[in-house]
Amino acid sequence: MVDRSAILAYAAITDDYNPLHVDEAFAAGTPFGKPIAHGMLSLNLVWQSLRRAFGQAMPIALDVRFVRPVLQDTRVTAGGHRRKDGAYDVWVRNGAGDDVIIGTAWPAGSVARKPDQPA
């Protein structure tokens, strides 16, 4: 659950007090209607999933897109699946099942290559 306490804790750790994240009155006047989580707060869920899957053999590269914001008080899940080339499609989804982050992770030792990586 990405609740107010998680957002405020992340703001304190990163010193990012953008009112869109921390000021409920300000955020109420935006198209979102309430505060949104910092993008990197949600992305940390992907890193936690990768850490559980790979232990110390963390991916050498991660390429993601932030598709939609995570509203305060939203339950999110992170996951992914292995592709045939050894890379992983990864995602974070909100409680409605909508993607909020999508991307690809390339594990260390993988034969998969990032598109811009020379052979």
PDB file of N, CA and C in Angstrom:
ATOM      1  N   MET A   1       0.846  -1.172   0.000  1.00  0.00           N
ATOM      2  CA  MET A   1       0.000   0.000   0.000  1.00  0.00           C
ATOM      3  C   MET A   1       0.895   1.239   0.000  1.00  0.00           C
ATOM      4  N   VAL A   2       0.704   2.069  -0.983  1.00  0.00           N
ATOM      5  CA  VAL A   2       1.434   3.339  -1.040  1.00  0.00           C
ATOM      6  C   VAL A   2       0.550   4.373  -0.343  1.00  0.00           C
ATOM      7  N   ASP A   3       0.760   4.499   0.961  1.00  0.00           N
ATOM      8  CA  ASP A   3      -0.065   5.411   1.740  1.00  0.00           C
ATOM      9  C   ASP A   3       0.696   6.699   2.050  1.00  0.00           C
ATOM     10  N   ARG A   4       0.033   7.587   2.753  1.00  0.00           N
ATOM     11  CA  ARG A   4       0.620   8.889   3.059  1.00  0.00           C
ATOM     12  C   ARG A   4       1.934   8.747   3.823  1.00  0.00           C
ATOM     13  N   SER A   5       1.987   7.826   4.777  1.00  0.00           N
ATOM     14  CA  SER A   5       3.214   7.681   5.560  1.00  0.00           C
ATOM     15  C   SER A   5       4.383   7.231   4.686  1.00  0.00           C
ATOM     16  N   ALA A   6       4.139   6.351   3.713  1.00  0.00           N
ATOM     17  CA  ALA A   6       5.214   5.918   2.807  1.00  0.00           C
ATOM     18  C   ALA A   6       5.691   7.080   1.941  1.00  0.00           C
ATOM     19  N   ILE A   7       4.751   7.876   1.448  1.00  0.00           N
ATOM     20  CA  ILE A   7       5.113   9.025   0.608  1.00  0.00           C
ATOM     21  C   ILE A   7       5.904  10.051   1.411  1.00  0.00           C
ATOM     22  N   LEU A   8       5.458  10.340   2.635  1.00  0.00           N
ATOM     23  CA  LEU A   8       6.170  11.319   3.468  1.00  0.00           C
ATOM     24  C   LEU A   8       7.547  10.808   3.873  1.00  0.00           C
ATOM     25  N   ALA A   9       7.661   9.514   4.163  1.00  0.00           N
ATOM     26  CA  ALA A   9       8.969   8.944   4.499  1.00  0.00           C
ATOM     27  C   ALA A   9       9.913   9.043   3.307  1.00  0.00           C
ATOM     28  N   TYR A  10       9.412   8.743   2.116  1.00  0.00           N
ATOM     29  CA  TYR A  10      10.249   8.836   0.919  1.00  0.00           C
ATOM     30  C   TYR A  10      10.660  10.282   0.662  1.00  0.00           C
ATOM     31  N   ALA A  11       9.741  11.214   0.867  1.00  0.00           N
ATOM     32  CA  ALA A  11      10.065  12.635   0.697  1.00  0.00           C
ATOM     33  C   ALA A  11      11.184  13.041   1.648  1.00  0.00           C
ATOM     34  N   ALA A  12      11.126  12.565   2.882  1.00  0.00           N
ATOM     35  CA  ALA A  12      12.155  12.909   3.865  1.00  0.00           C
ATOM     36  C   ALA A  12      13.510  12.311   3.490  1.00  0.00           C
ATOM     37  N   ILE A  13      13.505  11.074   3.034  1.00  0.00           N
ATOM     38  CA  ILE A  13      14.759  10.406   2.661  1.00  0.00           C
ATOM     39  C   ILE A  13      15.413  11.091   1.468  1.00  0.00           C
ATOM     40  N   THR A  14      14.606  11.505   0.501  1.00  0.00           N
ATOM     41  CA  THR A  14      15.142  12.070  -0.743  1.00  0.00           C
ATOM     42  C   THR A  14      15.163  13.594  -0.756  1.00  0.00           C
ATOM     43  N   ASP A  15      14.600  14.206   0.283  1.00  0.00           N
ATOM     44  CA  ASP A  15      14.484  15.667   0.362  1.00  0.00           C
ATOM     45  C   ASP A  15      13.700  16.219  -0.830  1.00  0.00           C
ATOM     46  N   ASP A  16      12.693  15.466  -1.264  1.00  0.00           N
ATOM     47  CA  ASP A  16      11.837  15.869  -2.380  1.00  0.00           C
ATOM     48  C   ASP A  16      10.438  16.149  -1.842  1.00  0.00           C
ATOM     49  N   TYR A  17      10.202  17.407  -1.542  1.00  0.00           N
ATOM     50  CA  TYR A  17       8.924  17.817  -0.965  1.00  0.00           C
ATOM     51  C   TYR A  17       8.043  18.516  -1.993  1.00  0.00           C
ATOM     52  N   ASN A  18       8.068  18.058  -3.217  1.00  0.00           N
ATOM     53  CA  ASN A  18       7.192  18.598  -4.247  1.00  0.00           C
ATOM     54  C   ASN A  18       5.757  18.526  -3.725  1.00  0.00           C
ATOM     55  N   PRO A  19       5.019  19.647  -3.786  1.00  0.00           N
ATOM     56  CA  PRO A  19       3.666  19.640  -3.225  1.00  0.00           C
ATOM     57  C   PRO A  19       2.729  18.627  -3.884  1.00  0.00           C
ATOM     58  N   LEU A  20       3.010  18.219  -5.094  1.00  0.00           N
ATOM     59  CA  LEU A  20       2.183  17.203  -5.743  1.00  0.00           C
ATOM     60  C   LEU A  20       2.243  15.875  -4.982  1.00  0.00           C
ATOM     61  N   HIS A  21       3.350  15.671  -4.259  1.00  0.00           N
ATOM     62  CA  HIS A  21       3.521  14.452  -3.478  1.00  0.00           C
ATOM     63  C   HIS A  21       3.063  14.607  -2.032  1.00  0.00           C
ATOM     64  N   VAL A  22       3.316  15.755  -1.429  1.00  0.00           N
ATOM     65  CA  VAL A  22       3.158  15.863   0.029  1.00  0.00           C
ATOM     66  C   VAL A  22       2.066  16.812   0.510  1.00  0.00           C
ATOM     67  N   ASP A  23       1.552  17.665  -0.334  1.00  0.00           N
ATOM     68  CA  ASP A  23       0.566  18.664   0.090  1.00  0.00           C
ATOM     69  C   ASP A  23      -0.823  18.252  -0.404  1.00  0.00           C
ATOM     70  N   GLU A  24      -1.630  17.728   0.508  1.00  0.00           N
ATOM     71  CA  GLU A  24      -2.948  17.215   0.115  1.00  0.00           C
ATOM     72  C   GLU A  24      -3.849  18.304  -0.455  1.00  0.00           C
ATOM     73  N   ALA A  25      -3.785  19.514   0.108  1.00  0.00           N
ATOM     74  CA  ALA A  25      -4.622  20.611  -0.398  1.00  0.00           C
ATOM     75  C   ALA A  25      -4.199  20.996  -1.811  1.00  0.00           C
ATOM     76  N   PHE A  26      -2.890  21.086  -2.040  1.00  0.00           N
ATOM     77  CA  PHE A  26      -2.387  21.407  -3.375  1.00  0.00           C
ATOM     78  C   PHE A  26      -2.803  20.321  -4.368  1.00  0.00           C
ATOM     79  N   ALA A  27      -2.558  19.066  -4.002  1.00  0.00           N
ATOM     80  CA  ALA A  27      -2.842  17.946  -4.905  1.00  0.00           C
ATOM     81  C   ALA A  27      -4.332  17.829  -5.213  1.00  0.00           C
ATOM     82  N   ALA A  28      -5.182  18.232  -4.278  1.00  0.00           N
ATOM     83  CA  ALA A  28      -6.629  18.176  -4.509  1.00  0.00           C
ATOM     84  C   ALA A  28      -7.040  19.068  -5.672  1.00  0.00           C
ATOM     85  N   GLY A  29      -6.272  20.114  -5.928  1.00  0.00           N
ATOM     86  CA  GLY A  29      -6.573  21.028  -7.026  1.00  0.00           C
ATOM     87  C   GLY A  29      -5.967  20.629  -8.356  1.00  0.00           C
ATOM     88  N   THR A  30      -5.324  19.474  -8.416  1.00  0.00           N
ATOM     89  CA  THR A  30      -4.724  18.984  -9.661  1.00  0.00           C
ATOM     90  C   THR A  30      -5.669  17.972 -10.312  1.00  0.00           C
ATOM     91  N   PRO A  31      -5.403  17.599 -11.553  1.00  0.00           N
ATOM     92  CA  PRO A  31      -6.241  16.570 -12.197  1.00  0.00           C
ATOM     93  C   PRO A  31      -6.241  15.228 -11.452  1.00  0.00           C
ATOM     94  N   PHE A  32      -5.228  14.986 -10.610  1.00  0.00           N
ATOM     95  CA  PHE A  32      -5.155  13.718  -9.878  1.00  0.00           C
ATOM     96  C   PHE A  32      -6.102  13.699  -8.680  1.00  0.00           C
ATOM     97  N   GLY A  33      -6.372  14.862  -8.094  1.00  0.00           N
ATOM     98  CA  GLY A  33      -7.300  14.963  -6.978  1.00  0.00           C
ATOM     99  C   GLY A  33      -6.743  14.600  -5.622  1.00  0.00           C
ATOM    100  N   LYS A  34      -5.570  14.025  -5.591  1.00  0.00           N
ATOM    101  CA  LYS A  34      -4.909  13.663  -4.336  1.00  0.00           C
ATOM    102  C   LYS A  34      -3.424  13.523  -4.615  1.00  0.00           C
ATOM    103  N   PRO A  35      -2.589  13.453  -3.572  1.00  0.00           N
ATOM    104  CA  PRO A  35      -1.147  13.308  -3.802  1.00  0.00           C
ATOM    105  C   PRO A  35      -0.821  12.042  -4.601  1.00  0.00           C
ATOM    106  N   ILE A  36       0.269  12.129  -5.345  1.00  0.00           N
ATOM    107  CA  ILE A  36       0.780  10.959  -6.065  1.00  0.00           C
ATOM    108  C   ILE A  36       2.138  10.587  -5.487  1.00  0.00           C
ATOM    109  N   ALA A  37       2.463   9.322  -5.570  1.00  0.00           N
ATOM    110  CA  ALA A  37       3.748   8.832  -5.079  1.00  0.00           C
ATOM    111  C   ALA A  37       4.871   9.300  -5.993  1.00  0.00           C
ATOM    112  N   HIS A  38       6.042   9.460  -5.426  1.00  0.00           N
ATOM    113  CA  HIS A  38       7.241   9.711  -6.222  1.00  0.00           C
ATOM    114  C   HIS A  38       7.436   8.508  -7.146  1.00  0.00           C
ATOM    115  N   GLY A  39       7.802   8.746  -8.385  1.00  0.00           N
ATOM    116  CA  GLY A  39       7.992   7.651  -9.326  1.00  0.00           C
ATOM    117  C   GLY A  39       9.000   6.625  -8.846  1.00  0.00           C
ATOM    118  N   MET A  40      10.082   7.107  -8.250  1.00  0.00           N
ATOM    119  CA  MET A  40      11.122   6.184  -7.798  1.00  0.00           C
ATOM    120  C   MET A  40      10.671   5.354  -6.601  1.00  0.00           C
ATOM    121  N   LEU A  41       9.728   5.859  -5.830  1.00  0.00           N
ATOM    122  CA  LEU A  41       9.169   5.062  -4.735  1.00  0.00           C
ATOM    123  C   LEU A  41       8.506   3.814  -5.307  1.00  0.00           C
ATOM    124  N   SER A  42       7.734   3.977  -6.356  1.00  0.00           N
ATOM    125  CA  SER A  42       7.087   2.830  -7.008  1.00  0.00           C
ATOM    126  C   SER A  42       8.112   1.929  -7.690  1.00  0.00           C
ATOM    127  N   LEU A  43       9.120   2.527  -8.306  1.00  0.00           N
ATOM    128  CA  LEU A  43      10.147   1.734  -8.983  1.00  0.00           C
ATOM    129  C   LEU A  43      10.923   0.870  -7.993  1.00  0.00           C
ATOM    130  N   ASN A  44      11.044   1.316  -6.763  1.00  0.00           N
ATOM    131  CA  ASN A  44      11.738   0.508  -5.762  1.00  0.00           C
ATOM    132  C   ASN A  44      11.093  -0.861  -5.589  1.00  0.00           C
ATOM    133  N   LEU A  45       9.809  -0.971  -5.873  1.00  0.00           N
ATOM    134  CA  LEU A  45       9.151  -2.275  -5.800  1.00  0.00           C
ATOM    135  C   LEU A  45       9.727  -3.245  -6.825  1.00  0.00           C
ATOM    136  N   VAL A  46      10.077  -2.736  -7.995  1.00  0.00           N
ATOM    137  CA  VAL A  46      10.714  -3.586  -9.011  1.00  0.00           C
ATOM    138  C   VAL A  46      12.057  -4.078  -8.489  1.00  0.00           C
ATOM    139  N   TRP A  47      12.853  -3.165  -7.916  1.00  0.00           N
ATOM    140  CA  TRP A  47      14.163  -3.553  -7.382  1.00  0.00           C
ATOM    141  C   TRP A  47      14.015  -4.592  -6.273  1.00  0.00           C
ATOM    142  N   GLN A  48      13.009  -4.433  -5.408  1.00  0.00           N
ATOM    143  CA  GLN A  48      12.785  -5.418  -4.346  1.00  0.00           C
ATOM    144  C   GLN A  48      12.450  -6.782  -4.939  1.00  0.00           C
ATOM    145  N   SER A  49      11.625  -6.808  -5.969  1.00  0.00           N
ATOM    146  CA  SER A  49      11.276  -8.073  -6.623  1.00  0.00           C
ATOM    147  C   SER A  49      12.506  -8.711  -7.257  1.00  0.00           C
ATOM    148  N   LEU A  50      13.320  -7.903  -7.914  1.00  0.00           N
ATOM    149  CA  LEU A  50      14.533  -8.423  -8.546  1.00  0.00           C
ATOM    150  C   LEU A  50      15.510  -8.945  -7.499  1.00  0.00           C
ATOM    151  N   ARG A  51      15.614  -8.258  -6.379  1.00  0.00           N
ATOM    152  CA  ARG A  51      16.510  -8.689  -5.309  1.00  0.00           C
ATOM    153  C   ARG A  51      16.058 -10.052  -4.761  1.00  0.00           C
ATOM    154  N   ARG A  52      14.753 -10.215  -4.588  1.00  0.00           N
ATOM    155  CA  ARG A  52      14.246 -11.504  -4.110  1.00  0.00           C
ATOM    156  C   ARG A  52      14.514 -12.610  -5.133  1.00  0.00           C
ATOM    157  N   ALA A  53      14.376 -12.289  -6.406  1.00  0.00           N
ATOM    158  CA  ALA A  53      14.556 -13.294  -7.457  1.00  0.00           C
ATOM    159  C   ALA A  53      16.019 -13.657  -7.678  1.00  0.00           C
ATOM    160  N   PHE A  54      16.912 -12.653  -7.626  1.00  0.00           N
ATOM    161  CA  PHE A  54      18.301 -12.881  -8.014  1.00  0.00           C
ATOM    162  C   PHE A  54      19.299 -12.806  -6.872  1.00  0.00           C
ATOM    163  N   GLY A  55      18.893 -12.380  -5.707  1.00  0.00           N
ATOM    164  CA  GLY A  55      19.840 -12.215  -4.613  1.00  0.00           C
ATOM    165  C   GLY A  55      20.866 -11.153  -4.975  1.00  0.00           C
ATOM    166  N   GLN A  56      22.129 -11.476  -4.771  1.00  0.00           N
ATOM    167  CA  GLN A  56      23.197 -10.512  -5.047  1.00  0.00           C
ATOM    168  C   GLN A  56      23.464 -10.323  -6.537  1.00  0.00           C
ATOM    169  N   ALA A  57      22.995 -11.237  -7.379  1.00  0.00           N
ATOM    170  CA  ALA A  57      23.229 -11.143  -8.825  1.00  0.00           C
ATOM    171  C   ALA A  57      22.195 -10.208  -9.446  1.00  0.00           C
ATOM    172  N   MET A  58      22.251  -8.957  -9.063  1.00  0.00           N
ATOM    173  CA  MET A  58      21.274  -7.976  -9.536  1.00  0.00           C
ATOM    174  C   MET A  58      21.466  -7.691 -11.024  1.00  0.00           C
ATOM    175  N   PRO A  59      20.394  -7.245 -11.678  1.00  0.00           N
ATOM    176  CA  PRO A  59      20.493  -6.910 -13.099  1.00  0.00           C
ATOM    177  C   PRO A  59      21.540  -5.835 -13.370  1.00  0.00           C
ATOM    178  N   ILE A  60      22.144  -5.921 -14.548  1.00  0.00           N
ATOM    179  CA  ILE A  60      23.128  -4.917 -14.930  1.00  0.00           C
ATOM    180  C   ILE A  60      22.465  -3.705 -15.553  1.00  0.00           C
ATOM    181  N   ALA A  61      21.211  -3.860 -15.972  1.00  0.00           N
ATOM    182  CA  ALA A  61      20.515  -2.734 -16.600  1.00  0.00           C
ATOM    183  C   ALA A  61      19.016  -2.871 -16.377  1.00  0.00           C
ATOM    184  N   LEU A  62      18.378  -1.727 -16.270  1.00  0.00           N
ATOM    185  CA  LEU A  62      16.929  -1.675 -16.116  1.00  0.00           C
ATOM    186  C   LEU A  62      16.446  -0.498 -16.943  1.00  0.00           C
ATOM    187  N   ASP A  63      15.514  -0.755 -17.837  1.00  0.00           N
ATOM    188  CA  ASP A  63      14.953   0.286 -18.700  1.00  0.00           C
ATOM    189  C   ASP A  63      13.452   0.303 -18.458  1.00  0.00           C
ATOM    190  N   VAL A  64      12.929   1.428 -17.945  1.00  0.00           N
ATOM    191  CA  VAL A  64      11.508   1.481 -17.601  1.00  0.00           C
ATOM    192  C   VAL A  64      10.843   2.739 -18.137  1.00  0.00           C
ATOM    193  N   ARG A  65       9.513   2.652 -18.212  1.00  0.00           N
ATOM    194  CA  ARG A  65       8.665   3.808 -18.532  1.00  0.00           C
ATOM    195  C   ARG A  65       7.641   3.941 -17.417  1.00  0.00           C
ATOM    196  N   PHE A  66       7.439   5.175 -16.981  1.00  0.00           N
ATOM    197  CA  PHE A  66       6.404   5.471 -16.001  1.00  0.00           C
ATOM    198  C   PHE A  66       5.133   5.766 -16.792  1.00  0.00           C
ATOM    199  N   VAL A  67       4.171   4.842 -16.754  1.00  0.00           N
ATOM    200  CA  VAL A  67       2.991   4.895 -17.611  1.00  0.00           C
ATOM    201  C   VAL A  67       1.885   5.766 -17.021  1.00  0.00           C
ATOM    202  N   ARG A  68       1.677   5.673 -15.715  1.00  0.00           N
ATOM    203  CA  ARG A  68       0.649   6.491 -15.052  1.00  0.00           C
ATOM    204  C   ARG A  68       1.055   6.661 -13.592  1.00  0.00           C
ATOM    205  N   PRO A  69       0.517   7.695 -12.952  1.00  0.00           N
ATOM    206  CA  PRO A  69       0.900   7.950 -11.559  1.00  0.00           C
ATOM    207  C   PRO A  69       0.264   6.945 -10.600  1.00  0.00           C
ATOM    208  N   VAL A  70       0.896   6.829  -9.443  1.00  0.00           N
ATOM    209  CA  VAL A  70       0.349   6.027  -8.356  1.00  0.00           C
ATOM    210  C   VAL A  70      -0.240   7.007  -7.347  1.00  0.00           C
ATOM    211  N   LEU A  71      -1.553   6.964  -7.201  1.00  0.00           N
ATOM    212  CA  LEU A  71      -2.230   7.847  -6.260  1.00  0.00           C
ATOM    213  C   LEU A  71      -2.003   7.377  -4.828  1.00  0.00           C
ATOM    214  N   GLN A  72      -1.963   8.342  -3.915  1.00  0.00           N
ATOM    215  CA  GLN A  72      -1.859   8.009  -2.500  1.00  0.00           C
ATOM    216  C   GLN A  72      -2.970   7.026  -2.130  1.00  0.00           C
ATOM    217  N   ASP A  73      -2.650   6.091  -1.238  1.00  0.00           N
ATOM    218  CA  ASP A  73      -3.586   5.069  -0.751  1.00  0.00           C
ATOM    219  C   ASP A  73      -3.967   4.053  -1.823  1.00  0.00           C
ATOM    220  N   THR A  74      -3.033   3.766  -2.712  1.00  0.00           N
ATOM    221  CA  THR A  74      -3.238   2.761  -3.755  1.00  0.00           C
ATOM    222  C   THR A  74      -2.398   1.530  -3.452  1.00  0.00           C
ATOM    223  N   ARG A  75      -3.005   0.370  -3.574  1.00  0.00           N
ATOM    224  CA  ARG A  75      -2.258  -0.883  -3.442  1.00  0.00           C
ATOM    225  C   ARG A  75      -1.589  -1.164  -4.782  1.00  0.00           C
ATOM    226  N   VAL A  76      -0.311  -1.487  -4.747  1.00  0.00           N
ATOM    227  CA  VAL A  76       0.427  -1.796  -5.969  1.00  0.00           C
ATOM    228  C   VAL A  76       1.128  -3.139  -5.808  1.00  0.00           C
ATOM    229  N   THR A  77       1.378  -3.779  -6.942  1.00  0.00           N
ATOM    230  CA  THR A  77       2.143  -5.022  -6.964  1.00  0.00           C
ATOM    231  C   THR A  77       3.198  -4.911  -8.054  1.00  0.00           C
ATOM    232  N   ALA A  78       4.295  -5.607  -7.845  1.00  0.00           N
ATOM    233  CA  ALA A  78       5.373  -5.634  -8.837  1.00  0.00           C
ATOM    234  C   ALA A  78       5.590  -7.075  -9.263  1.00  0.00           C
ATOM    235  N   GLY A  79       5.998  -7.246 -10.492  1.00  0.00           N
ATOM    236  CA  GLY A  79       6.266  -8.586 -10.980  1.00  0.00           C
ATOM    237  C   GLY A  79       6.935  -8.555 -12.328  1.00  0.00           C
ATOM    238  N   GLY A  80       6.986  -9.703 -12.938  1.00  0.00           N
ATOM    239  CA  GLY A  80       7.597  -9.800 -14.251  1.00  0.00           C
ATOM    240  C   GLY A  80       7.662 -11.240 -14.710  1.00  0.00           C
ATOM    241  N   HIS A  81       8.208 -11.413 -15.893  1.00  0.00           N
ATOM    242  CA  HIS A  81       8.406 -12.767 -16.399  1.00  0.00           C
ATOM    243  C   HIS A  81       9.628 -12.794 -17.306  1.00  0.00           C
ATOM    244  N   ARG A  82      10.223 -13.968 -17.350  1.00  0.00           N
ATOM    245  CA  ARG A  82      11.438 -14.146 -18.142  1.00  0.00           C
ATOM    246  C   ARG A  82      11.085 -14.327 -19.606  1.00  0.00           C
ATOM    247  N   ARG A  83      11.859 -13.656 -20.448  1.00  0.00           N
ATOM    248  CA  ARG A  83      11.697 -13.808 -21.891  1.00  0.00           C
ATOM    249  C   ARG A  83      12.630 -14.912 -22.394  1.00  0.00           C
ATOM    250  N   LYS A  84      12.415 -15.330 -23.624  1.00  0.00           N
ATOM    251  CA  LYS A  84      13.253 -16.386 -24.204  1.00  0.00           C
ATOM    252  C   LYS A  84      14.713 -15.973 -24.321  1.00  0.00           C
ATOM    253  N   ASP A  85      14.967 -14.660 -24.472  1.00  0.00           N
ATOM    254  CA  ASP A  85      16.354 -14.203 -24.619  1.00  0.00           C
ATOM    255  C   ASP A  85      17.065 -14.015 -23.283  1.00  0.00           C
ATOM    256  N   GLY A  86      16.394 -14.306 -22.162  1.00  0.00           N
ATOM    257  CA  GLY A  86      17.017 -14.206 -20.848  1.00  0.00           C
ATOM    258  C   GLY A  86      16.749 -12.905 -20.123  1.00  0.00           C
ATOM    259  N   ALA A  87      16.262 -11.908 -20.820  1.00  0.00           N
ATOM    260  CA  ALA A  87      15.877 -10.654 -20.167  1.00  0.00           C
ATOM    261  C   ALA A  87      14.520 -10.867 -19.493  1.00  0.00           C
ATOM    262  N   TYR A  88      14.115  -9.902 -18.693  1.00  0.00           N
ATOM    263  CA  TYR A  88      12.833  -9.982 -17.990  1.00  0.00           C
ATOM    264  C   TYR A  88      11.986  -8.762 -18.293  1.00  0.00           C
ATOM    265  N   ASP A  89      10.726  -9.006 -18.641  1.00  0.00           N
ATOM    266  CA  ASP A  89       9.753  -7.920 -18.697  1.00  0.00           C
ATOM    267  C   ASP A  89       9.290  -7.700 -17.263  1.00  0.00           C
ATOM    268  N   VAL A  90       9.347  -6.462 -16.786  1.00  0.00           N
ATOM    269  CA  VAL A  90       8.972  -6.147 -15.411  1.00  0.00           C
ATOM    270  C   VAL A  90       7.874  -5.102 -15.406  1.00  0.00           C
ATOM    271  N   TRP A  91       7.125  -5.059 -14.323  1.00  0.00           N
ATOM    272  CA  TRP A  91       6.015  -4.125 -14.237  1.00  0.00           C
ATOM    273  C   TRP A  91       5.653  -3.834 -12.793  1.00  0.00           C
ATOM    274  N   VAL A  92       4.978  -2.709 -12.588  1.00  0.00           N
ATOM    275  CA  VAL A  92       4.277  -2.389 -11.348  1.00  0.00           C
ATOM    276  C   VAL A  92       2.851  -2.081 -11.768  1.00  0.00           C
ATOM    277  N   ARG A  93       1.879  -2.654 -11.042  1.00  0.00           N
ATOM    278  CA  ARG A  93       0.463  -2.438 -11.361  1.00  0.00           C
ATOM    279  C   ARG A  93      -0.281  -1.910 -10.142  1.00  0.00           C
ATOM    280  N   ASN A  94      -1.274  -1.078 -10.409  1.00  0.00           N
ATOM    281  CA  ASN A  94      -2.110  -0.578  -9.322  1.00  0.00           C
ATOM    282  C   ASN A  94      -3.192  -1.603  -8.984  1.00  0.00           C
ATOM    283  N   GLY A  95      -4.015  -1.287  -7.990  1.00  0.00           N
ATOM    284  CA  GLY A  95      -5.041  -2.215  -7.533  1.00  0.00           C
ATOM    285  C   GLY A  95      -6.064  -2.579  -8.589  1.00  0.00           C
ATOM    286  N   ALA A  96      -6.243  -1.716  -9.587  1.00  0.00           N
ATOM    287  CA  ALA A  96      -7.176  -2.002 -10.682  1.00  0.00           C
ATOM    288  C   ALA A  96      -6.543  -2.891 -11.751  1.00  0.00           C
ATOM    289  N   GLY A  97      -5.252  -3.206 -11.583  1.00  0.00           N
ATOM    290  CA  GLY A  97      -4.554  -4.029 -12.566  1.00  0.00           C
ATOM    291  C   GLY A  97      -3.940  -3.251 -13.706  1.00  0.00           C
ATOM    292  N   ASP A  98      -3.972  -1.912 -13.613  1.00  0.00           N
ATOM    293  CA  ASP A  98      -3.371  -1.073 -14.656  1.00  0.00           C
ATOM    294  C   ASP A  98      -1.867  -0.967 -14.448  1.00  0.00           C
ATOM    295  N   ASP A  99      -1.110  -1.051 -15.533  1.00  0.00           N
ATOM    296  CA  ASP A  99       0.335  -0.839 -15.447  1.00  0.00           C
ATOM    297  C   ASP A  99       0.614   0.601 -15.055  1.00  0.00           C
ATOM    298  N   VAL A 100       1.508   0.778 -14.072  1.00  0.00           N
ATOM    299  CA  VAL A 100       1.977   2.119 -13.735  1.00  0.00           C
ATOM    300  C   VAL A 100       3.441   2.284 -14.130  1.00  0.00           C
ATOM    301  N   ILE A 101       4.180   1.174 -14.139  1.00  0.00           N
ATOM    302  CA  ILE A 101       5.565   1.144 -14.624  1.00  0.00           C
ATOM    303  C   ILE A 101       5.721  -0.127 -15.451  1.00  0.00           C
ATOM    304  N   ILE A 102       6.351  -0.008 -16.609  1.00  0.00           N
ATOM    305  CA  ILE A 102       6.676  -1.181 -17.426  1.00  0.00           C
ATOM    306  C   ILE A 102       8.122  -1.062 -17.871  1.00  0.00           C
ATOM    307  N   GLY A 103       8.761  -2.191 -18.094  1.00  0.00           N
ATOM    308  CA  GLY A 103      10.134  -2.111 -18.553  1.00  0.00           C
ATOM    309  C   GLY A 103      10.775  -3.471 -18.738  1.00  0.00           C
ATOM    310  N   THR A 104      12.094  -3.433 -18.862  1.00  0.00           N
ATOM    311  CA  THR A 104      12.898  -4.627 -19.088  1.00  0.00           C
ATOM    312  C   THR A 104      14.105  -4.596 -18.168  1.00  0.00           C
ATOM    313  N   ALA A 105      14.432  -5.748 -17.604  1.00  0.00           N
ATOM    314  CA  ALA A 105      15.632  -5.908 -16.784  1.00  0.00           C
ATOM    315  C   ALA A 105      16.538  -6.920 -17.469  1.00  0.00           C
ATOM    316  N   TRP A 106      17.826  -6.596 -17.483  1.00  0.00           N
ATOM    317  CA  TRP A 106      18.828  -7.488 -18.054  1.00  0.00           C
ATOM    318  C   TRP A 106      19.711  -7.992 -16.922  1.00  0.00           C
ATOM    319  N   PRO A 107      19.593  -9.270 -16.542  1.00  0.00           N
ATOM    320  CA  PRO A 107      20.404  -9.792 -15.448  1.00  0.00           C
ATOM    321  C   PRO A 107      21.869  -9.930 -15.830  1.00  0.00           C
ATOM    322  N   ALA A 108      22.725  -9.827 -14.830  1.00  0.00           N
ATOM    323  CA  ALA A 108      24.149 -10.068 -15.045  1.00  0.00           C
ATOM    324  C   ALA A 108      24.317 -11.481 -15.588  1.00  0.00           C
ATOM    325  N   GLY A 109      25.149 -11.639 -16.596  1.00  0.00           N
ATOM    326  CA  GLY A 109      25.380 -12.942 -17.196  1.00  0.00           C
ATOM    327  C   GLY A 109      24.355 -13.346 -18.232  1.00  0.00           C
ATOM    328  N   SER A 110      23.378 -12.493 -18.476  1.00  0.00           N
ATOM    329  CA  SER A 110      22.343 -12.794 -19.460  1.00  0.00           C
ATOM    330  C   SER A 110      22.909 -12.673 -20.865  1.00  0.00           C
ATOM    331  N   VAL A 111      22.395 -13.491 -21.770  1.00  0.00           N
ATOM    332  CA  VAL A 111      22.793 -13.367 -23.171  1.00  0.00           C
ATOM    333  C   VAL A 111      22.001 -12.263 -23.856  1.00  0.00           C
ATOM    334  N   ALA A 112      20.923 -11.834 -23.217  1.00  0.00           N
ATOM    335  CA  ALA A 112      20.115 -10.744 -23.779  1.00  0.00           C
ATOM    336  C   ALA A 112      20.920  -9.454 -23.752  1.00  0.00           C
ATOM    337  N   ARG A 113      20.703  -8.618 -24.736  1.00  0.00           N
ATOM    338  CA  ARG A 113      21.398  -7.335 -24.810  1.00  0.00           C
ATOM    339  C   ARG A 113      20.386  -6.216 -24.923  1.00  0.00           C
ATOM    340  N   LYS A 114      20.739  -5.122 -24.282  1.00  0.00           N
ATOM    341  CA  LYS A 114      19.920  -3.932 -24.464  1.00  0.00           C
ATOM    342  C   LYS A 114      19.974  -3.552 -25.935  1.00  0.00           C
ATOM    343  N   PRO A 115      18.915  -2.932 -26.462  1.00  0.00           N
ATOM    344  CA  PRO A 115      18.896  -2.562 -27.881  1.00  0.00           C
ATOM    345  C   PRO A 115      20.075  -1.696 -28.307  1.00  0.00           C
ATOM    346  N   ASP A 116      20.596  -0.858 -27.420  1.00  0.00           N
ATOM    347  CA  ASP A 116      21.697   0.033 -27.792  1.00  0.00           C
ATOM    348  C   ASP A 116      23.064  -0.519 -27.386  1.00  0.00           C
ATOM    349  N   GLN A 117      23.111  -1.769 -26.953  1.00  0.00           N
ATOM    350  CA  GLN A 117      24.354  -2.383 -26.518  1.00  0.00           C
ATOM    351  C   GLN A 117      24.977  -3.146 -27.686  1.00  0.00           C
ATOM    352  N   PRO A 118      26.250  -2.884 -27.998  1.00  0.00           N
ATOM    353  CA  PRO A 118      26.875  -3.589 -29.125  1.00  0.00           C
ATOM    354  C   PRO A 118      27.020  -5.084 -28.851  1.00  0.00           C
ATOM    355  N   ALA A 119      27.015  -5.849 -29.907  1.00  0.00           N
ATOM    356  CA  ALA A 119      27.157  -7.312 -29.788  1.00  0.00           C
ATOM    357  C   ALA A 119      28.586  -7.688 -29.494  1.00  0.00           C
TER     358      ALA A 119
END
